Amino acid sequence: MAVRTPHFPDLLFGSAARLRQWENTLMGLLEAHGYRELHPSLVLREGVPDGSMRFFDGDELVALRWDFTVSLAGLLARRFPLPPPRVSYAGAVFRRPVQPWEAVERFEVGCERIQPEGEASGEADVELARLLMAIPGALGLKSAILHLGNAALVRRPLEVEGLFGDLADAVVSALSRRAPHRVREALDGHPSASRLAAHAEALLSAMDGPRTLDALKASPYAELLQGEREHMERALHALLPILPPNLELRVDLADVAGLDFYTGPTLRLWAPGAQQELAAGGRYDRLFPGLGRPWQAAGFCVRLSRLLDLAETRPDLFEQPR
């Protein structure tokens, strides 16, 4: 049982044992697929972000590690002239809670797939999706739902229409609420209003398997997004034949969570009854160029803290230990 005091969890016997078991299982799975562990410092000394746990080390303002992806990117950019292709991590991050019941200390396991600039990314994206598909079975979840999306389906039309700042945020907000009519309202009088509203209606077609991609044919940006659609079709063609029986695959064309970070395909893992995603990731090709390295990257993070909470509140969702 996890006891929060007030935002830092004390894991009692069963939860502590489960966390250790899950960490070992997932890190073993990643190692078997060629991912090597890195453990970035718990303390960030550069680029201290808002929302992090900050304190002074002497006269220097520092923060506790708030995100593995950013911490690993800084480490890799500083220490490696060429990127290690596969890295993994396990441990805690510390974030100020958005909701009063959220913990500050959060346990995670994840991986990053890094490539030189210009290298084809389709195979790497499928590799990560296959790994994420194996997570529910490895953790004993009886069933799970994997959402496949693509941030470029929203990002590229906004960019081609020259929409940034508040107007772009309004479109993203409407899509996050699954309300295409609000796109038209937010852009009232803007030349792109009718096109983006029609695009929103196409994106918000019912989530399903490969048939969902057909909705993009009705979008005014169908030609612009042809490459993204083909990329997703190839991924589905590779993933559907190996879909585990306990996993449902859905296509979510209107996934806008993390749109300021993700640049391409996105992955989100849910369980029936879960109020929050249990794992998430995708492609974020702008991270390393911003650090001076011409590398592409994608990855995912398994949020073990949420899984621990789910195991306590909904033990029926998990297989009983043998």
C-alpha atoms as a PDB file:
ATOM      1  CA  MET A   1       0.000   0.000   0.000  1.00  0.00           C
ATOM      2  CA  ALA A   2       1.314   3.478  -0.869  1.00  0.00           C
ATOM      3  CA  VAL A   3       0.993   6.082   1.895  1.00  0.00           C
ATOM      4  CA  ARG A   4       1.397   9.682   0.711  1.00  0.00           C
ATOM      5  CA  THR A   5       3.041  12.059   3.205  1.00  0.00           C
ATOM      6  CA  PRO A   6       1.746  14.318   1.734  1.00  0.00           C
ATOM      7  CA  HIS A   7       3.008  14.033  -1.847  1.00  0.00           C
ATOM      8  CA  PHE A   8       5.914  11.623  -1.463  1.00  0.00           C
ATOM      9  CA  PRO A   9       4.836   7.955  -1.448  1.00  0.00           C
ATOM     10  CA  ASP A  10       6.063   5.505   1.185  1.00  0.00           C
ATOM     11  CA  LEU A  11       5.747   2.074  -0.403  1.00  0.00           C
ATOM     12  CA  LEU A  12       4.865  -0.621   2.107  1.00  0.00           C
ATOM     13  CA  PHE A  13       5.773  -4.269   1.739  1.00  0.00           C
ATOM     14  CA  GLY A  14       3.536  -5.416  -1.106  1.00  0.00           C
ATOM     15  CA  SER A  15       3.915  -2.272  -3.200  1.00  0.00           C
ATOM     16  CA  ALA A  16       7.669  -2.105  -2.622  1.00  0.00           C
ATOM     17  CA  ALA A  17       8.057  -5.720  -3.742  1.00  0.00           C
ATOM     18  CA  ARG A  18       5.843  -5.134  -6.778  1.00  0.00           C
ATOM     19  CA  LEU A  19       7.822  -2.026  -7.799  1.00  0.00           C
ATOM     20  CA  ARG A  20      11.115  -3.916  -7.595  1.00  0.00           C
ATOM     21  CA  GLN A  21       9.681  -6.859  -9.537  1.00  0.00           C
ATOM     22  CA  TRP A  22       8.228  -4.637 -12.257  1.00  0.00           C
ATOM     23  CA  GLU A  23      11.447  -2.624 -12.610  1.00  0.00           C
ATOM     24  CA  ASN A  24      13.495  -5.809 -12.959  1.00  0.00           C
ATOM     25  CA  THR A  25      11.043  -7.350 -15.421  1.00  0.00           C
ATOM     26  CA  LEU A  26      10.878  -4.297 -17.674  1.00  0.00           C
ATOM     27  CA  MET A  27      14.597  -3.584 -17.592  1.00  0.00           C
ATOM     28  CA  GLY A  28      15.218  -7.244 -18.450  1.00  0.00           C
ATOM     29  CA  LEU A  29      12.821  -6.975 -21.395  1.00  0.00           C
ATOM     30  CA  LEU A  30      14.560  -3.850 -22.670  1.00  0.00           C
ATOM     31  CA  GLU A  31      18.030  -5.350 -22.200  1.00  0.00           C
ATOM     32  CA  ALA A  32      16.990  -8.407 -24.208  1.00  0.00           C
ATOM     33  CA  HIS A  33      16.175  -6.063 -27.098  1.00  0.00           C
ATOM     34  CA  GLY A  34      19.529  -4.270 -26.992  1.00  0.00           C
ATOM     35  CA  TYR A  35      18.692  -1.329 -24.726  1.00  0.00           C
ATOM     36  CA  ARG A  36      21.504  -0.358 -22.359  1.00  0.00           C
ATOM     37  CA  GLU A  37      20.828   1.388 -19.078  1.00  0.00           C
ATOM     38  CA  LEU A  38      21.869   4.959 -18.330  1.00  0.00           C
ATOM     39  CA  HIS A  39      21.220   6.657 -15.004  1.00  0.00           C
ATOM     40  CA  PRO A  40      21.368  10.463 -15.250  1.00  0.00           C
ATOM     41  CA  SER A  41      22.025  12.534 -12.151  1.00  0.00           C
ATOM     42  CA  LEU A  42      19.125  13.210  -9.824  1.00  0.00           C
ATOM     43  CA  VAL A  43      20.109  16.900  -9.788  1.00  0.00           C
ATOM     44  CA  LEU A  44      19.633  19.230 -12.755  1.00  0.00           C
ATOM     45  CA  ARG A  45      22.003  22.194 -12.866  1.00  0.00           C
ATOM     46  CA  GLU A  46      21.046  23.659 -16.229  1.00  0.00           C
ATOM     47  CA  GLY A  47      17.719  24.627 -17.707  1.00  0.00           C
ATOM     48  CA  VAL A  48      15.795  24.400 -14.430  1.00  0.00           C
ATOM     49  CA  PRO A  49      12.165  24.149 -15.620  1.00  0.00           C
ATOM     50  CA  ASP A  50       8.991  25.550 -14.132  1.00  0.00           C
ATOM     51  CA  GLY A  51       7.103  22.919 -12.185  1.00  0.00           C
ATOM     52  CA  SER A  52      10.257  21.213 -10.980  1.00  0.00           C
ATOM     53  CA  MET A  53      11.319  20.800  -7.366  1.00  0.00           C
ATOM     54  CA  ARG A  54      13.920  23.545  -7.008  1.00  0.00           C
ATOM     55  CA  PHE A  55      16.367  24.343  -4.238  1.00  0.00           C
ATOM     56  CA  PHE A  56      19.678  26.098  -3.685  1.00  0.00           C
ATOM     57  CA  ASP A  57      22.980  24.251  -3.627  1.00  0.00           C
ATOM     58  CA  GLY A  58      25.024  27.003  -2.039  1.00  0.00           C
ATOM     59  CA  ASP A  59      24.334  29.991  -4.284  1.00  0.00           C
ATOM     60  CA  GLU A  60      23.299  27.874  -7.268  1.00  0.00           C
ATOM     61  CA  LEU A  61      19.643  27.200  -8.074  1.00  0.00           C
ATOM     62  CA  VAL A  62      19.216  23.540  -9.052  1.00  0.00           C
ATOM     63  CA  ALA A  63      16.301  21.116  -9.358  1.00  0.00           C
ATOM     64  CA  LEU A  64      15.507  17.476  -8.857  1.00  0.00           C
ATOM     65  CA  ARG A  65      15.255  15.434 -12.041  1.00  0.00           C
ATOM     66  CA  TRP A  66      11.746  16.117 -13.402  1.00  0.00           C
ATOM     67  CA  ASP A  67      11.864  14.113 -16.627  1.00  0.00           C
ATOM     68  CA  PHE A  68      14.114  11.287 -17.812  1.00  0.00           C
ATOM     69  CA  THR A  69      13.948  12.208 -21.507  1.00  0.00           C
ATOM     70  CA  VAL A  70      15.330  15.702 -21.010  1.00  0.00           C
ATOM     71  CA  SER A  71      17.928  14.524 -18.472  1.00  0.00           C
ATOM     72  CA  LEU A  72      19.125  11.751 -20.770  1.00  0.00           C
ATOM     73  CA  ALA A  73      19.238  14.097 -23.759  1.00  0.00           C
ATOM     74  CA  GLY A  74      21.538  16.466 -21.883  1.00  0.00           C
ATOM     75  CA  LEU A  75      23.774  13.606 -20.781  1.00  0.00           C
ATOM     76  CA  LEU A  76      23.994  12.089 -24.265  1.00  0.00           C
ATOM     77  CA  ALA A  77      24.621  15.420 -25.991  1.00  0.00           C
ATOM     78  CA  ARG A  78      27.465  16.215 -23.587  1.00  0.00           C
ATOM     79  CA  ARG A  79      29.165  12.836 -23.467  1.00  0.00           C
ATOM     80  CA  PHE A  80      28.756  11.145 -26.856  1.00  0.00           C
ATOM     81  CA  PRO A  81      29.930  12.341 -30.288  1.00  0.00           C
ATOM     82  CA  LEU A  82      27.692   9.693 -31.886  1.00  0.00           C
ATOM     83  CA  PRO A  83      24.442   8.585 -30.293  1.00  0.00           C
ATOM     84  CA  PRO A  84      24.088   5.175 -28.625  1.00  0.00           C
ATOM     85  CA  PRO A  85      21.164   3.737 -30.603  1.00  0.00           C
ATOM     86  CA  ARG A  86      19.240   2.259 -27.659  1.00  0.00           C
ATOM     87  CA  VAL A  87      19.193   3.402 -24.038  1.00  0.00           C
ATOM     88  CA  SER A  88      16.938   2.543 -21.098  1.00  0.00           C
ATOM     89  CA  TYR A  89      16.347   3.948 -17.627  1.00  0.00           C
ATOM     90  CA  ALA A  90      14.593   3.269 -14.330  1.00  0.00           C
ATOM     91  CA  GLY A  91      14.046   5.394 -11.250  1.00  0.00           C
ATOM     92  CA  ALA A  92      12.164   8.373  -9.893  1.00  0.00           C
ATOM     93  CA  VAL A  93      11.324  11.813 -11.230  1.00  0.00           C
ATOM     94  CA  PHE A  94       9.977  14.720  -9.213  1.00  0.00           C
ATOM     95  CA  ARG A  95       7.264  17.071 -10.454  1.00  0.00           C
ATOM     96  CA  ARG A  96       4.991  19.522  -8.735  1.00  0.00           C
ATOM     97  CA  PRO A  97       1.481  18.038  -8.879  1.00  0.00           C
ATOM     98  CA  VAL A  98      -1.188  19.522 -11.117  1.00  0.00           C
ATOM     99  CA  GLN A  99      -3.928  17.864  -9.075  1.00  0.00           C
ATOM    100  CA  PRO A 100      -3.905  17.797  -5.254  1.00  0.00           C
ATOM    101  CA  TRP A 101      -3.926  13.984  -5.100  1.00  0.00           C
ATOM    102  CA  GLU A 102      -0.903  13.518  -7.366  1.00  0.00           C
ATOM    103  CA  ALA A 103       2.425  12.470  -5.942  1.00  0.00           C
ATOM    104  CA  VAL A 104       5.580  14.536  -6.432  1.00  0.00           C
ATOM    105  CA  GLU A 105       7.882  11.506  -6.569  1.00  0.00           C
ATOM    106  CA  ARG A 106       6.972   9.226  -9.476  1.00  0.00           C
ATOM    107  CA  PHE A 107       8.549   5.915 -10.461  1.00  0.00           C
ATOM    108  CA  GLU A 108       9.210   5.228 -14.151  1.00  0.00           C
ATOM    109  CA  VAL A 109      10.894   2.814 -16.547  1.00  0.00           C
ATOM    110  CA  GLY A 110      11.442   3.649 -20.188  1.00  0.00           C
ATOM    111  CA  CYS A 111      13.622   3.644 -23.248  1.00  0.00           C
ATOM    112  CA  GLU A 112      14.904   5.933 -25.990  1.00  0.00           C
ATOM    113  CA  ARG A 113      15.705   5.035 -29.607  1.00  0.00           C
ATOM    114  CA  ILE A 114      18.211   7.490 -31.114  1.00  0.00           C
ATOM    115  CA  GLN A 115      19.313   7.770 -34.748  1.00  0.00           C
ATOM    116  CA  PRO A 116      21.500  10.022 -36.879  1.00  0.00           C
ATOM    117  CA  GLU A 117      19.638  12.761 -38.708  1.00  0.00           C
ATOM    118  CA  GLY A 118      18.107  11.638 -41.993  1.00  0.00           C
ATOM    119  CA  GLU A 119      17.959   7.938 -41.150  1.00  0.00           C
ATOM    120  CA  ALA A 120      14.603   6.293 -41.908  1.00  0.00           C
ATOM    121  CA  SER A 121      12.536   6.209 -38.730  1.00  0.00           C
ATOM    122  CA  GLY A 122       9.735   3.781 -39.609  1.00  0.00           C
ATOM    123  CA  GLU A 123      11.506   0.656 -38.388  1.00  0.00           C
ATOM    124  CA  ALA A 124      12.450   2.320 -35.090  1.00  0.00           C
ATOM    125  CA  ASP A 125       8.866   3.489 -34.515  1.00  0.00           C
ATOM    126  CA  VAL A 126       7.548  -0.037 -35.052  1.00  0.00           C
ATOM    127  CA  GLU A 127      10.246  -1.439 -32.773  1.00  0.00           C
ATOM    128  CA  LEU A 128       9.071   0.794 -29.933  1.00  0.00           C
ATOM    129  CA  ALA A 129       5.419  -0.065 -30.541  1.00  0.00           C
ATOM    130  CA  ARG A 130       6.232  -3.778 -30.413  1.00  0.00           C
ATOM    131  CA  LEU A 131       8.021  -3.312 -27.120  1.00  0.00           C
ATOM    132  CA  LEU A 132       5.144  -1.351 -25.649  1.00  0.00           C
ATOM    133  CA  MET A 133       2.735  -4.067 -26.798  1.00  0.00           C
ATOM    134  CA  ALA A 134       4.656  -6.538 -24.626  1.00  0.00           C
ATOM    135  CA  ILE A 135       4.370  -4.413 -21.459  1.00  0.00           C
ATOM    136  CA  PRO A 136       0.848  -5.446 -20.318  1.00  0.00           C
ATOM    137  CA  GLY A 137       1.701  -9.147 -20.444  1.00  0.00           C
ATOM    138  CA  ALA A 138       5.010  -8.579 -18.685  1.00  0.00           C
ATOM    139  CA  LEU A 139       3.258  -6.754 -15.829  1.00  0.00           C
ATOM    140  CA  GLY A 140       0.346  -9.156 -15.516  1.00  0.00           C
ATOM    141  CA  LEU A 141      -2.369  -6.860 -16.860  1.00  0.00           C
ATOM    142  CA  LYS A 142      -5.285  -8.956 -18.067  1.00  0.00           C
ATOM    143  CA  SER A 143      -6.162  -6.496 -20.836  1.00  0.00           C
ATOM    144  CA  ALA A 144      -5.004  -3.156 -22.188  1.00  0.00           C
ATOM    145  CA  ILE A 145      -5.628  -0.675 -24.988  1.00  0.00           C
ATOM    146  CA  LEU A 146      -2.885   0.785 -27.167  1.00  0.00           C
ATOM    147  CA  HIS A 147      -3.655   4.080 -28.912  1.00  0.00           C
ATOM    148  CA  LEU A 148      -1.598   4.954 -31.989  1.00  0.00           C
ATOM    149  CA  GLY A 149      -1.544   8.596 -33.039  1.00  0.00           C
ATOM    150  CA  ASN A 150       0.627  11.031 -34.929  1.00  0.00           C
ATOM    151  CA  ALA A 151       1.348  14.579 -33.761  1.00  0.00           C
ATOM    152  CA  ALA A 152       2.132  15.659 -37.333  1.00  0.00           C
ATOM    153  CA  LEU A 153      -1.540  15.238 -38.269  1.00  0.00           C
ATOM    154  CA  VAL A 154      -2.263  18.386 -36.275  1.00  0.00           C
ATOM    155  CA  ARG A 155       1.123  20.086 -36.259  1.00  0.00           C
ATOM    156  CA  ARG A 156       1.634  20.225 -40.040  1.00  0.00           C
ATOM    157  CA  PRO A 157      -1.759  21.779 -40.949  1.00  0.00           C
ATOM    158  CA  LEU A 158      -1.277  24.402 -38.232  1.00  0.00           C
ATOM    159  CA  GLU A 159       2.183  25.228 -39.550  1.00  0.00           C
ATOM    160  CA  VAL A 160       1.114  25.400 -43.195  1.00  0.00           C
ATOM    161  CA  GLU A 161      -1.722  27.775 -42.211  1.00  0.00           C
ATOM    162  CA  GLY A 162       0.706  29.921 -40.235  1.00  0.00           C
ATOM    163  CA  LEU A 163      -1.133  29.372 -36.968  1.00  0.00           C
ATOM    164  CA  PHE A 164       0.954  29.735 -33.821  1.00  0.00           C
ATOM    165  CA  GLY A 165       0.468  31.058 -30.308  1.00  0.00           C
ATOM    166  CA  ASP A 166      -3.047  31.578 -28.965  1.00  0.00           C
ATOM    167  CA  LEU A 167      -4.865  30.601 -32.157  1.00  0.00           C
ATOM    168  CA  ALA A 168      -2.990  27.315 -32.434  1.00  0.00           C
ATOM    169  CA  ASP A 169      -3.588  26.673 -28.724  1.00  0.00           C
ATOM    170  CA  ALA A 170      -7.319  27.213 -29.247  1.00  0.00           C
ATOM    171  CA  VAL A 171      -7.408  24.597 -32.026  1.00  0.00           C
ATOM    172  CA  VAL A 172      -5.457  22.128 -29.891  1.00  0.00           C
ATOM    173  CA  SER A 173      -7.767  22.761 -26.931  1.00  0.00           C
ATOM    174  CA  ALA A 174     -10.840  22.087 -29.072  1.00  0.00           C
ATOM    175  CA  LEU A 175      -9.355  18.835 -30.346  1.00  0.00           C
ATOM    176  CA  SER A 176      -8.417  17.752 -26.826  1.00  0.00           C
ATOM    177  CA  ARG A 177     -12.085  18.182 -25.867  1.00  0.00           C
ATOM    178  CA  ARG A 178     -13.169  16.280 -28.982  1.00  0.00           C
ATOM    179  CA  ALA A 179     -15.200  19.288 -30.113  1.00  0.00           C
ATOM    180  CA  PRO A 180     -14.685  20.111 -33.837  1.00  0.00           C
ATOM    181  CA  HIS A 181     -17.303  22.869 -33.752  1.00  0.00           C
ATOM    182  CA  ARG A 182     -15.093  24.750 -31.289  1.00  0.00           C
ATOM    183  CA  VAL A 183     -12.339  24.857 -33.904  1.00  0.00           C
ATOM    184  CA  ARG A 184     -14.610  26.890 -36.159  1.00  0.00           C
ATOM    185  CA  GLU A 185     -15.644  29.126 -33.226  1.00  0.00           C
ATOM    186  CA  ALA A 186     -12.041  29.727 -32.148  1.00  0.00           C
ATOM    187  CA  LEU A 187     -10.994  30.677 -35.696  1.00  0.00           C
ATOM    188  CA  ASP A 188     -14.087  32.715 -36.555  1.00  0.00           C
ATOM    189  CA  GLY A 189     -13.110  35.078 -39.391  1.00  0.00           C
ATOM    190  CA  HIS A 190      -9.723  33.434 -40.008  1.00  0.00           C
ATOM    191  CA  PRO A 191      -9.171  32.249 -43.618  1.00  0.00           C
ATOM    192  CA  SER A 192      -8.318  28.739 -42.432  1.00  0.00           C
ATOM    193  CA  ALA A 193     -11.402  28.289 -40.216  1.00  0.00           C
ATOM    194  CA  SER A 194     -13.447  26.113 -42.575  1.00  0.00           C
ATOM    195  CA  ARG A 195     -10.458  23.991 -43.634  1.00  0.00           C
ATOM    196  CA  LEU A 196      -9.292  23.311 -40.080  1.00  0.00           C
ATOM    197  CA  ALA A 197     -12.835  22.620 -38.897  1.00  0.00           C
ATOM    198  CA  ALA A 198     -13.258  20.051 -41.678  1.00  0.00           C
ATOM    199  CA  HIS A 199      -9.886  18.574 -40.734  1.00  0.00           C
ATOM    200  CA  ALA A 200     -10.952  18.341 -37.089  1.00  0.00           C
ATOM    201  CA  GLU A 201     -14.101  16.455 -38.094  1.00  0.00           C
ATOM    202  CA  ALA A 202     -11.968  13.988 -40.065  1.00  0.00           C
ATOM    203  CA  LEU A 203      -9.540  13.492 -37.176  1.00  0.00           C
ATOM    204  CA  LEU A 204     -12.322  12.933 -34.675  1.00  0.00           C
ATOM    205  CA  SER A 205     -13.889  10.010 -36.486  1.00  0.00           C
ATOM    206  CA  ALA A 206     -14.486   7.030 -34.200  1.00  0.00           C
ATOM    207  CA  MET A 207     -11.272   5.409 -33.011  1.00  0.00           C
ATOM    208  CA  ASP A 208     -10.815   1.976 -34.516  1.00  0.00           C
ATOM    209  CA  GLY A 209      -8.205  -0.068 -36.325  1.00  0.00           C
ATOM    210  CA  PRO A 210      -6.858   0.577 -39.841  1.00  0.00           C
ATOM    211  CA  ARG A 211     -10.232   1.818 -41.128  1.00  0.00           C
ATOM    212  CA  THR A 212      -9.796   4.994 -39.086  1.00  0.00           C
ATOM    213  CA  LEU A 213      -7.018   6.107 -41.438  1.00  0.00           C
ATOM    214  CA  ASP A 214      -9.550   6.290 -44.269  1.00  0.00           C
ATOM    215  CA  ALA A 215     -11.017   9.360 -42.546  1.00  0.00           C
ATOM    216  CA  LEU A 216      -7.950  11.334 -43.606  1.00  0.00           C
ATOM    217  CA  LYS A 217      -9.124  11.114 -47.215  1.00  0.00           C
ATOM    218  CA  ALA A 218     -11.890  13.586 -46.331  1.00  0.00           C
ATOM    219  CA  SER A 219      -9.470  16.127 -44.879  1.00  0.00           C
ATOM    220  CA  PRO A 220      -8.553  19.268 -46.868  1.00  0.00           C
ATOM    221  CA  TYR A 221      -4.960  18.390 -45.959  1.00  0.00           C
ATOM    222  CA  ALA A 222      -5.104  14.812 -47.265  1.00  0.00           C
ATOM    223  CA  GLU A 223      -2.299  15.399 -49.783  1.00  0.00           C
ATOM    224  CA  LEU A 224      -0.138  17.214 -47.240  1.00  0.00           C
ATOM    225  CA  LEU A 225      -0.485  14.314 -44.796  1.00  0.00           C
ATOM    226  CA  GLN A 226      -0.118  11.460 -47.277  1.00  0.00           C
ATOM    227  CA  GLY A 227       3.339  10.548 -45.954  1.00  0.00           C
ATOM    228  CA  GLU A 228       2.117  10.372 -42.361  1.00  0.00           C
ATOM    229  CA  ARG A 229      -0.838   8.238 -43.368  1.00  0.00           C
ATOM    230  CA  GLU A 230       1.395   5.794 -45.250  1.00  0.00           C
ATOM    231  CA  HIS A 231       3.749   5.648 -42.271  1.00  0.00           C
ATOM    232  CA  MET A 232       0.851   4.697 -39.979  1.00  0.00           C
ATOM    233  CA  GLU A 233      -0.476   2.146 -42.472  1.00  0.00           C
ATOM    234  CA  ARG A 234       2.910   0.403 -42.598  1.00  0.00           C
ATOM    235  CA  ALA A 235       3.089   0.373 -38.801  1.00  0.00           C
ATOM    236  CA  LEU A 236      -0.390  -1.153 -38.516  1.00  0.00           C
ATOM    237  CA  HIS A 237       0.474  -3.744 -41.167  1.00  0.00           C
ATOM    238  CA  ALA A 238       3.485  -4.781 -39.049  1.00  0.00           C
ATOM    239  CA  LEU A 239       1.726  -4.704 -35.668  1.00  0.00           C
ATOM    240  CA  LEU A 240      -1.701  -6.252 -36.254  1.00  0.00           C
ATOM    241  CA  PRO A 241      -0.432  -9.788 -37.063  1.00  0.00           C
ATOM    242  CA  ILE A 242       1.461  -9.924 -33.749  1.00  0.00           C
ATOM    243  CA  LEU A 243      -1.157  -8.244 -31.575  1.00  0.00           C
ATOM    244  CA  PRO A 244      -1.382 -10.105 -28.236  1.00  0.00           C
ATOM    245  CA  PRO A 245      -4.845 -11.456 -27.383  1.00  0.00           C
ATOM    246  CA  ASN A 246      -5.015  -9.244 -24.272  1.00  0.00           C
ATOM    247  CA  LEU A 247      -4.365  -6.020 -26.211  1.00  0.00           C
ATOM    248  CA  GLU A 248      -6.769  -3.864 -28.229  1.00  0.00           C
ATOM    249  CA  LEU A 249      -5.277  -1.570 -30.862  1.00  0.00           C
ATOM    250  CA  ARG A 250      -6.947   1.752 -31.650  1.00  0.00           C
ATOM    251  CA  VAL A 251      -5.990   4.602 -33.967  1.00  0.00           C
ATOM    252  CA  ASP A 252      -6.408   8.061 -32.438  1.00  0.00           C
ATOM    253  CA  LEU A 253      -5.902  10.635 -35.169  1.00  0.00           C
ATOM    254  CA  ALA A 254      -6.670  13.535 -32.819  1.00  0.00           C
ATOM    255  CA  ASP A 255      -4.071  12.791 -30.158  1.00  0.00           C
ATOM    256  CA  VAL A 256      -2.804  16.270 -29.216  1.00  0.00           C
ATOM    257  CA  ALA A 257      -1.345  15.527 -25.776  1.00  0.00           C
ATOM    258  CA  GLY A 258       2.248  16.777 -25.726  1.00  0.00           C
ATOM    259  CA  LEU A 259       1.925  18.416 -29.142  1.00  0.00           C
ATOM    260  CA  ASP A 260       4.572  20.980 -28.186  1.00  0.00           C
ATOM    261  CA  PHE A 261       7.042  18.086 -27.785  1.00  0.00           C
ATOM    262  CA  TYR A 262       6.095  15.240 -30.126  1.00  0.00           C
ATOM    263  CA  THR A 263       6.724  15.591 -33.855  1.00  0.00           C
ATOM    264  CA  GLY A 264       5.474  12.281 -35.282  1.00  0.00           C
ATOM    265  CA  PRO A 265       3.934   8.958 -34.219  1.00  0.00           C
ATOM    266  CA  THR A 266       2.650   8.734 -30.640  1.00  0.00           C
ATOM    267  CA  LEU A 267       1.896   5.764 -28.371  1.00  0.00           C
ATOM    268  CA  ARG A 268      -0.400   5.637 -25.328  1.00  0.00           C
ATOM    269  CA  LEU A 269      -1.226   2.587 -23.224  1.00  0.00           C
ATOM    270  CA  TRP A 270      -4.423   2.380 -21.189  1.00  0.00           C
ATOM    271  CA  ALA A 271      -6.179  -0.229 -19.100  1.00  0.00           C
ATOM    272  CA  PRO A 272      -9.944  -0.639 -18.685  1.00  0.00           C
ATOM    273  CA  GLY A 273     -10.916   1.375 -15.636  1.00  0.00           C
ATOM    274  CA  ALA A 274      -7.725   3.446 -15.575  1.00  0.00           C
ATOM    275  CA  GLN A 275      -8.270   7.202 -15.297  1.00  0.00           C
ATOM    276  CA  GLN A 276      -4.833   8.044 -16.702  1.00  0.00           C
ATOM    277  CA  GLU A 277      -2.549   6.535 -19.309  1.00  0.00           C
ATOM    278  CA  LEU A 278      -0.171   3.912 -17.944  1.00  0.00           C
ATOM    279  CA  ALA A 279       2.552   4.443 -20.535  1.00  0.00           C
ATOM    280  CA  ALA A 280       3.172   7.006 -23.235  1.00  0.00           C
ATOM    281  CA  GLY A 281       5.727   8.000 -25.822  1.00  0.00           C
ATOM    282  CA  GLY A 282       6.389   8.844 -29.423  1.00  0.00           C
ATOM    283  CA  ARG A 283       8.766  10.605 -31.776  1.00  0.00           C
ATOM    284  CA  TYR A 284      10.385  13.899 -30.776  1.00  0.00           C
ATOM    285  CA  ASP A 285      12.890  14.814 -33.465  1.00  0.00           C
ATOM    286  CA  ARG A 286      13.372  18.427 -32.344  1.00  0.00           C
ATOM    287  CA  LEU A 287      14.905  17.650 -28.942  1.00  0.00           C
ATOM    288  CA  PHE A 288      18.515  16.863 -29.871  1.00  0.00           C
ATOM    289  CA  PRO A 289      18.903  19.510 -32.604  1.00  0.00           C
ATOM    290  CA  GLY A 290      17.984  22.028 -29.908  1.00  0.00           C
ATOM    291  CA  LEU A 291      20.994  20.720 -27.952  1.00  0.00           C
ATOM    292  CA  GLY A 292      23.328  21.026 -30.927  1.00  0.00           C
ATOM    293  CA  ARG A 293      23.203  17.366 -32.013  1.00  0.00           C
ATOM    294  CA  PRO A 294      21.721  16.376 -35.415  1.00  0.00           C
ATOM    295  CA  TRP A 295      19.965  13.285 -34.036  1.00  0.00           C
ATOM    296  CA  GLN A 296      16.432  11.925 -34.243  1.00  0.00           C
ATOM    297  CA  ALA A 297      14.769  10.314 -31.239  1.00  0.00           C
ATOM    298  CA  ALA A 298      11.720   8.436 -30.056  1.00  0.00           C
ATOM    299  CA  GLY A 299      10.878   6.578 -26.885  1.00  0.00           C
ATOM    300  CA  PHE A 300       8.296   5.715 -24.282  1.00  0.00           C
ATOM    301  CA  CYS A 301       7.879   5.784 -20.518  1.00  0.00           C
ATOM    302  CA  VAL A 302       6.004   3.290 -18.332  1.00  0.00           C
ATOM    303  CA  ARG A 303       4.487   5.118 -15.367  1.00  0.00           C
ATOM    304  CA  LEU A 304       4.915   2.584 -12.588  1.00  0.00           C
ATOM    305  CA  SER A 305       3.414   4.884  -9.943  1.00  0.00           C
ATOM    306  CA  ARG A 306       0.091   4.835 -11.789  1.00  0.00           C
ATOM    307  CA  LEU A 307       0.304   1.087 -12.208  1.00  0.00           C
ATOM    308  CA  LEU A 308       0.912   0.669  -8.462  1.00  0.00           C
ATOM    309  CA  ASP A 309      -2.159   2.777  -7.708  1.00  0.00           C
ATOM    310  CA  LEU A 310      -4.187   0.760 -10.216  1.00  0.00           C
ATOM    311  CA  ALA A 311      -3.048  -2.532  -8.681  1.00  0.00           C
ATOM    312  CA  GLU A 312      -4.290  -1.308  -5.286  1.00  0.00           C
ATOM    313  CA  THR A 313      -7.658   0.042  -6.424  1.00  0.00           C
ATOM    314  CA  ARG A 314      -8.402  -2.500  -9.197  1.00  0.00           C
ATOM    315  CA  PRO A 315      -6.578  -5.739  -8.376  1.00  0.00           C
ATOM    316  CA  ASP A 316      -9.109  -7.569 -10.574  1.00  0.00           C
ATOM    317  CA  LEU A 317      -7.358  -6.081 -13.619  1.00  0.00           C
ATOM    318  CA  PHE A 318      -4.188  -8.067 -12.862  1.00  0.00           C
ATOM    319  CA  GLU A 319      -3.387 -11.746 -13.026  1.00  0.00           C
ATOM    320  CA  GLN A 320      -2.907 -13.300  -9.613  1.00  0.00           C
ATOM    321  CA  PRO A 321       0.758 -14.135  -8.875  1.00  0.00           C
ATOM    322  CA  ARG A 322       1.525 -17.838  -9.147  1.00  0.00           C
END
